Amino acid sequence: MISKPSIKSDTLPTVFIYTALPCEAKPLIDFYRLKKDTAIHNFSVYTNNAICLTVTGIGKNAMAAAVAYTLALFSSAQNPVMLNVGIGGHKTHPIGSVFLADKITDTDCDRRLYPPLVFTPPCPTHSLQTTAKPQLSYPERDLCDMEASAFYETAIRFSSGELIHCLKIVSDNEISPAQNIQPKWVTELIGAQLETIAAIVNKLTQLTFLLIKPDLPELTALLSRYHFTANEQIQLKKLLHRRHLVNDENLPDIVDTPAKSGKELLEALNQQLKSAEFYL
């Protein structure tokens, strides 16, 4: 039996889940006891005090529009958790396999995105390709879908990258191609992974508490030591937040990081964090 997730919330949602299809959303709506907001007509939006789920429609444009629309509706949300849940294809993985995307490639523009993973996920991770049109043949290695890159690129404008992730459940492969997919079957595939989905939502929600009012004693010292442009100051704060989330005792003391300029310091911090996240 799956236990209900414990998510602290105010009166407005702090967790935003996006599915392309109604059949993907149905088990989540039932599980979290979400109610449809009948005042919203642009998209089907379901909420409770903690969670907002939006059915976006298929494709990158629909996903990007839905993410921007719902975050504009709930503009007071600070560091929201944002999760794309949906089906995807793979050449050989069994139907029902579940993966968290660790690399997203938009094949239409050859853009690569790397969601930072600062917790141990309850499922394997995998690379993912997003395309504008359904793929008639499967990539040799990657999962494939039609929304993930647009989801991540839009979501990153509203929250911290550590809180934004894509979870994909394999719905088709070379043995059972996409033409076989039926809505009822998709609902069953998502429903079978509710425990994994709930675990990820809970882990990401716990991370938000570290971001609400983080103690950044290094910030004042670094701002007095180096010159940063306004944009670089924003980058610095994000990197310091990430250091606290990673919480790796092997990271060198930030004050001891050698750098001749603010720009060099940002590059050094980026490299340290990439190494730390790789070995999580």
Protein backbone atom coordinates (compact mmCIF):
# COMPACT_ATOMS: atom_id res chain seq x y z
CA MET A 1 0.00 0.00 0.00
CA ILE A 2 1.34 3.42 -0.98
CA SER A 3 1.47 5.99 1.80
CA LYS A 4 0.19 9.47 1.07
CA PRO A 5 2.99 12.05 0.78
CA SER A 6 3.41 14.61 3.52
CA ILE A 7 3.89 18.01 1.90
CA LYS A 8 3.86 21.20 3.92
CA SER A 9 1.95 23.94 2.19
CA ASP A 10 0.42 27.35 2.55
CA THR A 11 -2.84 28.31 0.89
CA LEU A 12 -1.26 28.24 -2.57
CA PRO A 13 0.40 25.27 -4.30
CA THR A 14 4.16 24.90 -4.03
CA VAL A 15 4.43 21.79 -6.22
CA PHE A 16 3.62 21.97 -9.94
CA ILE A 17 3.20 18.78 -11.96
CA TYR A 18 2.78 18.77 -15.74
CA THR A 19 1.48 15.95 -17.92
CA ALA A 20 0.85 16.12 -21.64
CA LEU A 21 -2.16 13.79 -21.63
CA PRO A 22 -5.31 13.46 -19.49
CA CYS A 23 -4.67 9.72 -19.17
CA GLU A 24 -1.25 10.49 -17.64
CA ALA A 25 -2.85 12.91 -15.20
CA LYS A 26 -5.72 10.72 -14.02
CA PRO A 27 -3.89 8.54 -11.46
CA LEU A 28 -2.12 11.60 -10.04
CA ILE A 29 -5.40 13.51 -9.74
CA ASP A 30 -6.91 10.59 -7.82
CA PHE A 31 -3.83 9.99 -5.68
CA TYR A 32 -3.41 13.59 -4.56
CA ARG A 33 -7.18 14.23 -4.46
CA LEU A 34 -6.96 17.18 -6.80
CA LYS A 35 -10.00 19.14 -7.94
CA LYS A 36 -10.40 20.82 -11.30
CA ASP A 37 -10.33 24.61 -11.25
CA THR A 38 -13.38 25.39 -13.37
CA ALA A 39 -12.47 29.08 -13.51
CA ILE A 40 -9.44 28.26 -15.68
CA HIS A 41 -10.24 27.59 -19.33
CA ASN A 42 -6.92 27.79 -21.16
CA PHE A 43 -5.70 24.49 -19.73
CA SER A 44 -7.11 21.77 -17.50
CA VAL A 45 -5.71 22.65 -14.07
CA TYR A 46 -6.26 20.57 -10.92
CA THR A 47 -5.24 21.72 -7.45
CA ASN A 48 -5.27 21.21 -3.73
CA ASN A 49 -3.52 23.34 -1.11
CA ALA A 50 -0.12 21.86 -1.95
CA ILE A 51 -0.14 20.72 -5.58
CA CYS A 52 -1.12 22.11 -8.95
CA LEU A 53 -1.34 19.67 -11.86
CA THR A 54 -1.73 20.95 -15.41
CA VAL A 55 -2.64 18.91 -18.47
CA THR A 56 -0.69 20.70 -21.17
CA GLY A 57 -1.44 18.94 -24.42
CA ILE A 58 1.11 17.25 -26.68
CA GLY A 59 4.26 18.94 -27.93
CA LYS A 60 6.84 21.52 -26.95
CA ASN A 61 4.76 24.61 -27.68
CA ALA A 62 1.84 23.38 -25.60
CA MET A 63 4.11 22.44 -22.69
CA ALA A 64 5.97 25.76 -22.69
CA ALA A 65 2.71 27.72 -22.79
CA ALA A 66 1.19 25.70 -19.95
CA VAL A 67 4.21 26.08 -17.68
CA ALA A 68 4.37 29.83 -18.20
CA TYR A 69 0.60 30.19 -17.80
CA THR A 70 0.29 28.31 -14.50
CA LEU A 71 3.33 29.96 -12.94
CA ALA A 72 1.87 33.33 -13.89
CA LEU A 73 -1.38 32.31 -12.15
CA PHE A 74 0.54 31.37 -9.01
CA SER A 75 3.18 34.06 -9.26
CA SER A 76 3.68 34.23 -5.48
CA ALA A 77 5.16 30.71 -5.41
CA GLN A 78 8.77 30.91 -4.21
CA ASN A 79 11.17 28.22 -5.44
CA PRO A 80 8.35 25.95 -6.62
CA VAL A 81 8.93 22.24 -7.18
CA MET A 82 8.28 21.49 -10.86
CA LEU A 83 7.94 17.97 -12.22
CA ASN A 84 7.09 16.72 -15.71
CA VAL A 85 5.56 13.25 -15.51
CA GLY A 86 4.82 11.33 -18.68
CA ILE A 87 5.41 8.43 -20.99
CA GLY A 88 8.31 8.03 -23.38
CA GLY A 89 9.77 5.56 -25.79
CA HIS A 90 13.00 3.57 -25.77
CA LYS A 91 14.53 1.08 -28.16
CA THR A 92 14.97 -1.79 -25.71
CA HIS A 93 13.87 -0.91 -22.16
CA PRO A 94 10.84 -2.90 -20.95
CA ILE A 95 7.41 -1.29 -20.91
CA GLY A 96 6.78 0.25 -17.49
CA SER A 97 10.43 1.07 -16.72
CA VAL A 98 10.77 4.42 -14.97
CA PHE A 99 13.65 6.92 -15.24
CA LEU A 100 14.53 10.41 -14.07
CA ALA A 101 16.12 12.45 -16.86
CA ASP A 102 19.73 13.46 -16.15
CA LYS A 103 20.33 14.93 -19.63
CA ILE A 104 17.76 16.38 -22.01
CA THR A 105 18.64 16.98 -25.65
CA ASP A 106 16.39 19.04 -27.90
CA THR A 107 17.20 17.40 -31.24
CA ASP A 108 15.54 20.16 -33.27
CA CYS A 109 18.11 22.74 -32.17
CA ASP A 110 20.80 20.45 -30.69
CA ARG A 111 20.46 22.08 -27.27
CA ARG A 112 21.55 20.06 -24.22
CA LEU A 113 20.16 20.55 -20.74
CA TYR A 114 21.43 18.96 -17.53
CA PRO A 115 18.98 18.99 -14.59
CA PRO A 116 21.20 19.17 -11.47
CA LEU A 117 20.59 16.17 -9.25
CA VAL A 118 21.41 16.85 -5.58
CA PHE A 119 19.55 13.92 -4.04
CA THR A 120 19.60 10.16 -4.52
CA PRO A 121 16.58 9.36 -6.71
CA PRO A 122 14.33 6.36 -6.03
CA CYS A 123 14.75 5.20 -9.64
CA PRO A 124 17.51 5.04 -12.28
CA THR A 125 18.45 8.12 -14.30
CA HIS A 126 18.66 8.26 -18.08
CA SER A 127 19.37 10.59 -21.00
CA LEU A 128 16.35 11.82 -22.95
CA GLN A 129 15.75 13.23 -26.43
CA THR A 130 12.90 15.64 -27.16
CA THR A 131 11.63 16.10 -30.72
CA ALA A 132 8.88 18.19 -32.28
CA LYS A 133 7.41 15.19 -34.12
CA PRO A 134 6.89 11.56 -33.11
CA GLN A 135 9.98 9.49 -33.84
CA LEU A 136 9.47 6.62 -36.25
CA SER A 137 12.68 4.93 -35.13
CA TYR A 138 14.17 4.85 -31.65
CA PRO A 139 17.53 6.38 -30.70
CA GLU A 140 20.26 3.87 -29.92
CA ARG A 141 20.52 4.90 -26.28
CA ASP A 142 18.23 7.77 -25.25
CA LEU A 143 14.65 7.81 -24.13
CA CYS A 144 12.47 9.94 -26.39
CA ASP A 145 9.50 12.25 -25.85
CA MET A 146 7.97 15.46 -27.25
CA GLU A 147 7.84 17.83 -24.26
CA ALA A 148 10.74 17.58 -21.80
CA SER A 149 13.12 20.18 -23.27
CA ALA A 150 10.39 22.81 -23.47
CA PHE A 151 9.30 21.99 -19.94
CA TYR A 152 12.77 22.41 -18.49
CA GLU A 153 13.71 25.51 -20.49
CA THR A 154 10.52 27.27 -19.42
CA ALA A 155 10.50 26.04 -15.82
CA ILE A 156 14.06 27.23 -15.17
CA ARG A 157 12.76 30.80 -15.50
CA PHE A 158 10.59 30.30 -12.43
CA SER A 159 12.56 28.11 -10.03
CA SER A 160 15.96 26.70 -9.13
CA GLY A 161 17.28 23.95 -11.41
CA GLU A 162 17.64 21.51 -8.50
CA LEU A 163 13.85 21.59 -8.05
CA ILE A 164 12.97 20.91 -11.71
CA HIS A 165 12.93 17.36 -13.08
CA CYS A 166 11.39 15.09 -15.72
CA LEU A 167 10.19 11.57 -14.92
CA LYS A 168 9.54 9.28 -17.87
CA ILE A 169 7.84 5.87 -17.90
CA VAL A 170 8.52 3.67 -20.91
CA SER A 171 5.33 3.13 -22.91
CA ASP A 172 6.73 1.78 -26.16
CA ASN A 173 9.78 0.10 -27.65
CA GLU A 174 10.78 -1.81 -30.78
CA ILE A 175 8.78 -4.86 -29.72
CA SER A 176 5.68 -2.85 -28.77
CA PRO A 177 5.76 0.40 -30.83
CA ALA A 178 3.90 3.62 -30.13
CA GLN A 179 1.00 2.64 -32.37
CA ASN A 180 -0.04 0.16 -29.67
CA ILE A 181 -0.46 2.80 -26.94
CA GLN A 182 -3.96 3.09 -25.47
CA PRO A 183 -5.13 5.71 -22.91
CA LYS A 184 -6.24 3.11 -20.34
CA TRP A 185 -2.86 1.42 -20.59
CA VAL A 186 -1.05 4.74 -20.05
CA THR A 187 -3.12 5.39 -16.92
CA GLU A 188 -2.10 1.98 -15.58
CA LEU A 189 1.59 2.62 -16.33
CA ILE A 190 1.55 5.95 -14.44
CA GLY A 191 -0.51 4.46 -11.62
CA ALA A 192 2.05 1.70 -11.11
CA GLN A 193 4.73 4.34 -10.41
CA LEU A 194 2.85 6.52 -7.91
CA GLU A 195 5.17 5.50 -5.10
CA THR A 196 8.21 6.63 -7.11
CA ILE A 197 6.52 9.89 -8.10
CA ALA A 198 5.51 10.63 -4.51
CA ALA A 199 9.04 9.92 -3.28
CA ILE A 200 10.53 12.36 -5.79
CA VAL A 201 7.98 15.07 -4.93
CA ASN A 202 8.76 14.64 -1.23
CA LYS A 203 12.53 14.81 -1.77
CA LEU A 204 12.21 17.95 -3.87
CA THR A 205 9.86 19.53 -1.35
CA GLN A 206 12.41 18.92 1.40
CA LEU A 207 15.00 20.76 -0.70
CA THR A 208 12.78 23.84 -0.89
CA PHE A 209 13.11 24.31 2.86
CA LEU A 210 16.86 24.77 2.39
CA LEU A 211 16.22 27.43 -0.23
CA ILE A 212 13.62 29.52 1.61
CA LYS A 213 16.03 31.46 3.82
CA PRO A 214 19.44 29.94 3.28
CA ASP A 215 22.29 31.02 5.48
CA LEU A 216 24.92 32.33 3.08
CA PRO A 217 27.65 33.82 5.26
CA GLU A 218 30.08 33.58 2.33
CA LEU A 219 28.05 35.96 0.18
CA THR A 220 29.02 39.19 1.97
CA ALA A 221 32.70 38.24 2.03
CA LEU A 222 32.77 37.38 -1.67
CA LEU A 223 30.89 40.52 -2.70
CA SER A 224 33.42 42.64 -0.82
CA ARG A 225 36.40 40.78 -2.30
CA TYR A 226 35.39 40.64 -5.99
CA HIS A 227 33.50 42.81 -8.43
CA PHE A 228 30.34 41.19 -9.81
CA THR A 229 27.90 42.59 -12.34
CA ALA A 230 24.21 42.44 -11.37
CA ASN A 231 23.79 39.29 -13.45
CA GLU A 232 26.91 37.73 -11.93
CA GLN A 233 25.58 38.44 -8.43
CA ILE A 234 22.46 36.47 -9.30
CA GLN A 235 24.63 33.62 -10.59
CA LEU A 236 26.73 33.73 -7.41
CA LYS A 237 23.67 33.42 -5.17
CA LYS A 238 22.38 30.46 -7.19
CA LEU A 239 25.75 28.70 -7.00
CA LEU A 240 26.00 29.26 -3.25
CA HIS A 241 22.48 27.88 -2.84
CA ARG A 242 23.54 24.82 -4.80
CA ARG A 243 26.62 24.32 -2.62
CA HIS A 244 24.38 24.20 0.43
CA LEU A 245 22.04 21.71 -1.26
CA VAL A 246 24.88 19.44 -2.36
CA ASN A 247 26.34 19.61 1.16
CA ASP A 248 29.50 17.77 0.12
CA GLU A 249 32.16 17.83 2.85
CA ASN A 250 34.82 17.34 0.16
CA LEU A 251 34.09 20.71 -1.42
CA PRO A 252 36.87 23.19 -0.63
CA ASP A 253 36.13 26.21 1.54
CA ILE A 254 34.65 28.81 -0.76
CA VAL A 255 36.81 31.54 0.79
CA ASP A 256 39.94 29.58 -0.17
CA THR A 257 38.92 29.20 -3.83
CA PRO A 258 41.67 30.85 -5.94
CA ALA A 259 40.33 33.42 -8.40
CA LYS A 260 41.53 36.74 -9.80
CA SER A 261 38.06 38.06 -10.61
CA GLY A 262 34.40 37.49 -9.92
CA LYS A 263 34.06 35.81 -13.31
CA GLU A 264 36.88 33.36 -12.50
CA LEU A 265 35.28 32.59 -9.14
CA LEU A 266 31.95 31.75 -10.80
CA GLU A 267 33.74 29.42 -13.22
CA ALA A 268 35.56 27.70 -10.34
CA LEU A 269 32.33 27.25 -8.38
CA ASN A 270 30.59 25.80 -11.42
CA GLN A 271 33.38 23.27 -11.90
CA GLN A 272 33.39 22.26 -8.22
CA LEU A 273 29.65 21.67 -8.25
CA LYS A 274 29.69 19.68 -11.47
CA SER A 275 32.27 17.35 -9.94
CA ALA A 276 30.33 17.03 -6.68
CA GLU A 277 27.02 16.30 -8.43
CA PHE A 278 28.69 13.74 -10.73
CA TYR A 279 29.78 11.67 -7.74
CA LEU A 280 26.45 11.83 -5.85
